[in-house]
């Protein structure tokens, strides 16, 4: 490439780049979290994973079946506990709390997954009871949270074992969570 062509290409490239920088955006800069949508963002992260402590481990153990060995198995978008001495062997309890979730969205998602979803009432509120098809060893219950979003609990027992009704346990855990969130 000749020097003249290279210089022309560089000049053209600079002109295109500078044209993009010449746009003026109207308005005033606002700090993070003041977008006008009513939401505020906690940038201190001081409440991170605190929802995993909403129901004490020993209470989870009692509801799952008088289990004494309840250990956290995962904390993140959901909280999970492994229960070694549940009726019939091992079990798992799972909590999810979606601050921007809705029952309608949960129902739509469950339907897409092929889960069986039914309306129930928890503390006078419409809630969802969810089961996987042909699975009597697990159940989930989701209800509107006390302030915003939805909260849900799942109980999964060892397949085919003798155990309490997982739906009753999941509902009781949701009730405790709603009581404690008030």
Protein backbone atom coordinates (compact mmCIF):
# COMPACT_ATOMS: atom_id res chain seq x y z
CA UNK A 1 0.00 0.00 0.00
CA UNK A 2 1.35 3.42 -0.87
CA UNK A 3 1.99 6.04 1.76
CA UNK A 4 -0.68 8.26 0.27
CA UNK A 5 -3.33 5.47 0.46
CA UNK A 6 -2.32 4.61 4.05
CA UNK A 7 -2.59 8.27 5.07
CA UNK A 8 -6.03 8.54 3.43
CA UNK A 9 -7.23 5.38 5.21
CA UNK A 10 -6.00 6.62 8.60
CA UNK A 11 -7.64 10.02 8.04
CA UNK A 12 -10.93 8.38 7.08
CA UNK A 13 -10.80 6.06 10.11
CA UNK A 14 -10.16 8.99 12.47
CA UNK A 15 -13.04 10.96 10.96
CA UNK A 16 -15.44 8.03 11.45
CA UNK A 17 -14.27 7.52 15.06
CA UNK A 18 -14.56 11.19 15.96
CA UNK A 19 -18.03 11.45 14.42
CA UNK A 20 -19.28 8.80 16.87
CA UNK A 21 -17.93 10.82 19.81
CA UNK A 22 -19.71 13.97 18.78
CA UNK A 23 -23.18 12.91 19.98
CA UNK A 24 -24.65 14.82 22.88
CA UNK A 25 -26.85 12.97 25.40
CA UNK A 26 -29.48 15.14 27.05
CA UNK A 27 -30.13 14.93 30.82
CA UNK A 28 -28.10 14.77 34.00
CA UNK A 29 -25.91 11.96 35.27
CA UNK A 30 -27.51 10.03 38.14
CA UNK A 31 -25.88 7.78 40.75
CA UNK A 32 -26.33 4.01 40.54
CA UNK A 33 -29.71 2.86 41.85
CA UNK A 34 -31.58 6.07 41.13
CA UNK A 35 -33.09 4.95 37.84
CA UNK A 36 -36.58 6.05 38.82
CA UNK A 37 -37.98 2.52 38.92
CA UNK A 38 -38.32 2.54 42.70
CA UNK A 39 -35.65 -0.13 43.14
CA UNK A 40 -32.58 0.48 45.21
CA UNK A 41 -29.38 -1.46 44.89
CA UNK A 42 -27.43 -2.51 47.98
CA UNK A 43 -23.82 -2.04 46.91
CA UNK A 44 -22.50 -2.90 50.39
CA UNK A 45 -23.34 -6.63 49.97
CA UNK A 46 -23.90 -6.79 53.75
CA UNK A 47 -26.98 -9.01 53.40
CA UNK A 48 -25.46 -11.45 50.92
CA UNK A 49 -26.73 -15.00 51.60
CA UNK A 50 -28.53 -13.97 54.80
CA UNK A 51 -31.71 -15.45 53.33
CA UNK A 52 -30.12 -18.88 53.87
CA UNK A 53 -30.54 -18.29 57.60
CA UNK A 54 -34.26 -17.42 57.48
CA UNK A 55 -35.18 -20.84 58.98
CA UNK A 56 -32.78 -22.45 61.45
CA UNK A 57 -31.17 -25.79 60.53
CA UNK A 58 -32.78 -27.56 63.50
CA UNK A 59 -36.27 -26.41 62.42
CA UNK A 60 -35.61 -27.68 58.89
CA UNK A 61 -34.60 -31.02 60.43
CA UNK A 62 -37.79 -31.26 62.49
CA UNK A 63 -40.01 -30.50 59.49
CA UNK A 64 -38.22 -32.95 57.19
CA UNK A 65 -38.70 -35.73 59.73
CA UNK A 66 -37.04 -35.17 63.10
CA UNK A 67 -33.61 -35.25 61.46
CA UNK A 68 -30.66 -34.10 63.55
CA UNK A 69 -27.99 -34.02 60.83
CA UNK A 70 -28.82 -30.97 58.69
CA UNK A 71 -25.85 -29.42 56.93
CA UNK A 72 -25.69 -26.60 54.39
CA UNK A 73 -24.84 -28.06 51.00
CA UNK A 74 -24.88 -24.95 48.81
CA UNK A 75 -25.43 -21.21 49.13
CA UNK A 76 -25.93 -18.94 46.17
CA UNK A 77 -28.98 -18.24 44.05
CA UNK A 78 -30.62 -20.96 46.12
CA UNK A 79 -29.83 -22.39 49.56
CA UNK A 80 -29.64 -26.16 50.01
CA UNK A 81 -29.34 -28.43 53.03
CA UNK A 82 -28.36 -32.08 53.03
CA UNK A 83 -30.19 -34.17 55.64
CA UNK A 84 -28.38 -37.45 56.32
CA UNK A 85 -30.79 -38.99 58.82
CA UNK A 86 -34.14 -38.19 57.21
CA UNK A 87 -36.86 -40.84 57.10
CA UNK A 88 -35.82 -43.39 54.49
CA UNK A 89 -32.23 -42.12 54.34
CA UNK A 90 -30.88 -38.95 52.84
CA UNK A 91 -33.02 -35.97 51.86
CA UNK A 92 -32.50 -32.47 50.53
CA UNK A 93 -34.23 -29.21 51.42
CA UNK A 94 -33.93 -26.25 49.05
CA UNK A 95 -34.93 -22.60 49.52
CA UNK A 96 -35.24 -20.09 46.69
CA UNK A 97 -36.13 -16.46 47.05
CA UNK A 98 -36.57 -14.40 43.89
CA UNK A 99 -36.91 -10.73 44.76
CA UNK A 100 -38.38 -9.85 41.37
CA UNK A 101 -40.25 -13.14 40.91
CA UNK A 102 -43.98 -13.61 40.49
CA UNK A 103 -46.30 -16.58 40.89
CA UNK A 104 -47.34 -16.25 37.26
CA UNK A 105 -43.72 -16.48 36.13
CA UNK A 106 -43.13 -19.50 38.39
CA UNK A 107 -46.24 -21.20 36.99
CA UNK A 108 -45.12 -20.54 33.41
CA UNK A 109 -41.65 -21.93 34.14
CA UNK A 110 -43.06 -25.02 35.86
CA UNK A 111 -45.38 -25.64 32.93
CA UNK A 112 -42.44 -25.42 30.50
CA UNK A 113 -40.57 -27.97 32.63
CA UNK A 114 -43.57 -30.30 32.54
CA UNK A 115 -44.12 -30.06 36.31
CA UNK A 116 -47.57 -30.45 37.84
CA UNK A 117 -48.58 -27.14 39.41
CA UNK A 118 -51.68 -26.53 41.52
CA UNK A 119 -53.03 -23.53 43.40
CA UNK A 120 -53.09 -23.75 47.19
CA UNK A 121 -53.47 -21.18 49.95
CA UNK A 122 -50.67 -20.34 52.38
CA UNK A 123 -51.51 -17.84 55.13
CA UNK A 124 -54.46 -16.52 53.14
CA UNK A 125 -52.41 -16.00 49.97
CA UNK A 126 -52.50 -17.84 46.68
CA UNK A 127 -49.48 -20.12 46.42
CA UNK A 128 -48.29 -22.89 44.11
CA UNK A 129 -47.69 -26.54 44.96
CA UNK A 130 -45.35 -28.15 42.46
CA UNK A 131 -44.49 -31.78 41.72
CA UNK A 132 -42.50 -33.52 39.07
CA UNK A 133 -44.58 -36.04 37.11
CA UNK A 134 -44.58 -39.53 38.69
CA UNK A 135 -42.47 -38.33 41.65
CA UNK A 136 -44.10 -38.69 45.07
CA UNK A 137 -40.76 -38.25 46.85
CA UNK A 138 -40.37 -34.53 46.23
CA UNK A 139 -42.51 -31.42 46.26
CA UNK A 140 -42.16 -27.67 46.18
CA UNK A 141 -44.32 -24.80 47.42
CA UNK A 142 -43.92 -21.20 46.25
CA UNK A 143 -45.72 -18.19 47.71
CA UNK A 144 -45.54 -14.41 47.43
CA UNK A 145 -42.93 -13.05 49.84
CA UNK A 146 -43.99 -10.72 52.63
CA UNK A 147 -42.74 -7.63 50.82
CA UNK A 148 -41.70 -8.35 47.24
CA UNK A 149 -41.00 -11.36 45.03
CA UNK A 150 -41.61 -15.04 45.75
CA UNK A 151 -40.19 -17.56 48.18
CA UNK A 152 -40.19 -21.30 47.63
CA UNK A 153 -39.11 -24.49 49.37
CA UNK A 154 -38.55 -27.98 47.93
CA UNK A 155 -38.12 -31.19 49.86
CA UNK A 156 -36.63 -34.20 48.08
CA UNK A 157 -36.58 -37.59 49.81
CA UNK A 158 -34.74 -40.67 48.62
CA UNK A 159 -36.84 -42.20 45.82
CA UNK A 160 -39.13 -45.00 47.00
CA UNK A 161 -38.38 -44.53 50.70
CA UNK A 162 -40.98 -44.29 53.48
CA UNK A 163 -41.19 -40.61 54.44
CA UNK A 164 -43.64 -37.85 55.41
CA UNK A 165 -45.53 -35.91 52.73
CA UNK A 166 -42.93 -33.62 51.09
CA UNK A 167 -45.65 -31.11 50.13
CA UNK A 168 -46.74 -30.69 53.75
CA UNK A 169 -43.12 -30.11 54.77
CA UNK A 170 -42.45 -27.64 51.96
CA UNK A 171 -45.61 -25.72 52.85
CA UNK A 172 -44.63 -25.59 56.53
CA UNK A 173 -41.19 -24.22 55.60
CA UNK A 174 -42.82 -21.53 53.42
CA UNK A 175 -45.13 -20.61 56.32
CA UNK A 176 -42.15 -20.28 58.70
CA UNK A 177 -40.28 -18.18 56.17
CA UNK A 178 -43.23 -15.83 55.71
CA UNK A 179 -43.71 -15.55 59.50
CA UNK A 180 -40.07 -14.67 60.02
CA UNK A 181 -39.97 -12.18 57.14
CA UNK A 182 -42.66 -9.95 58.67
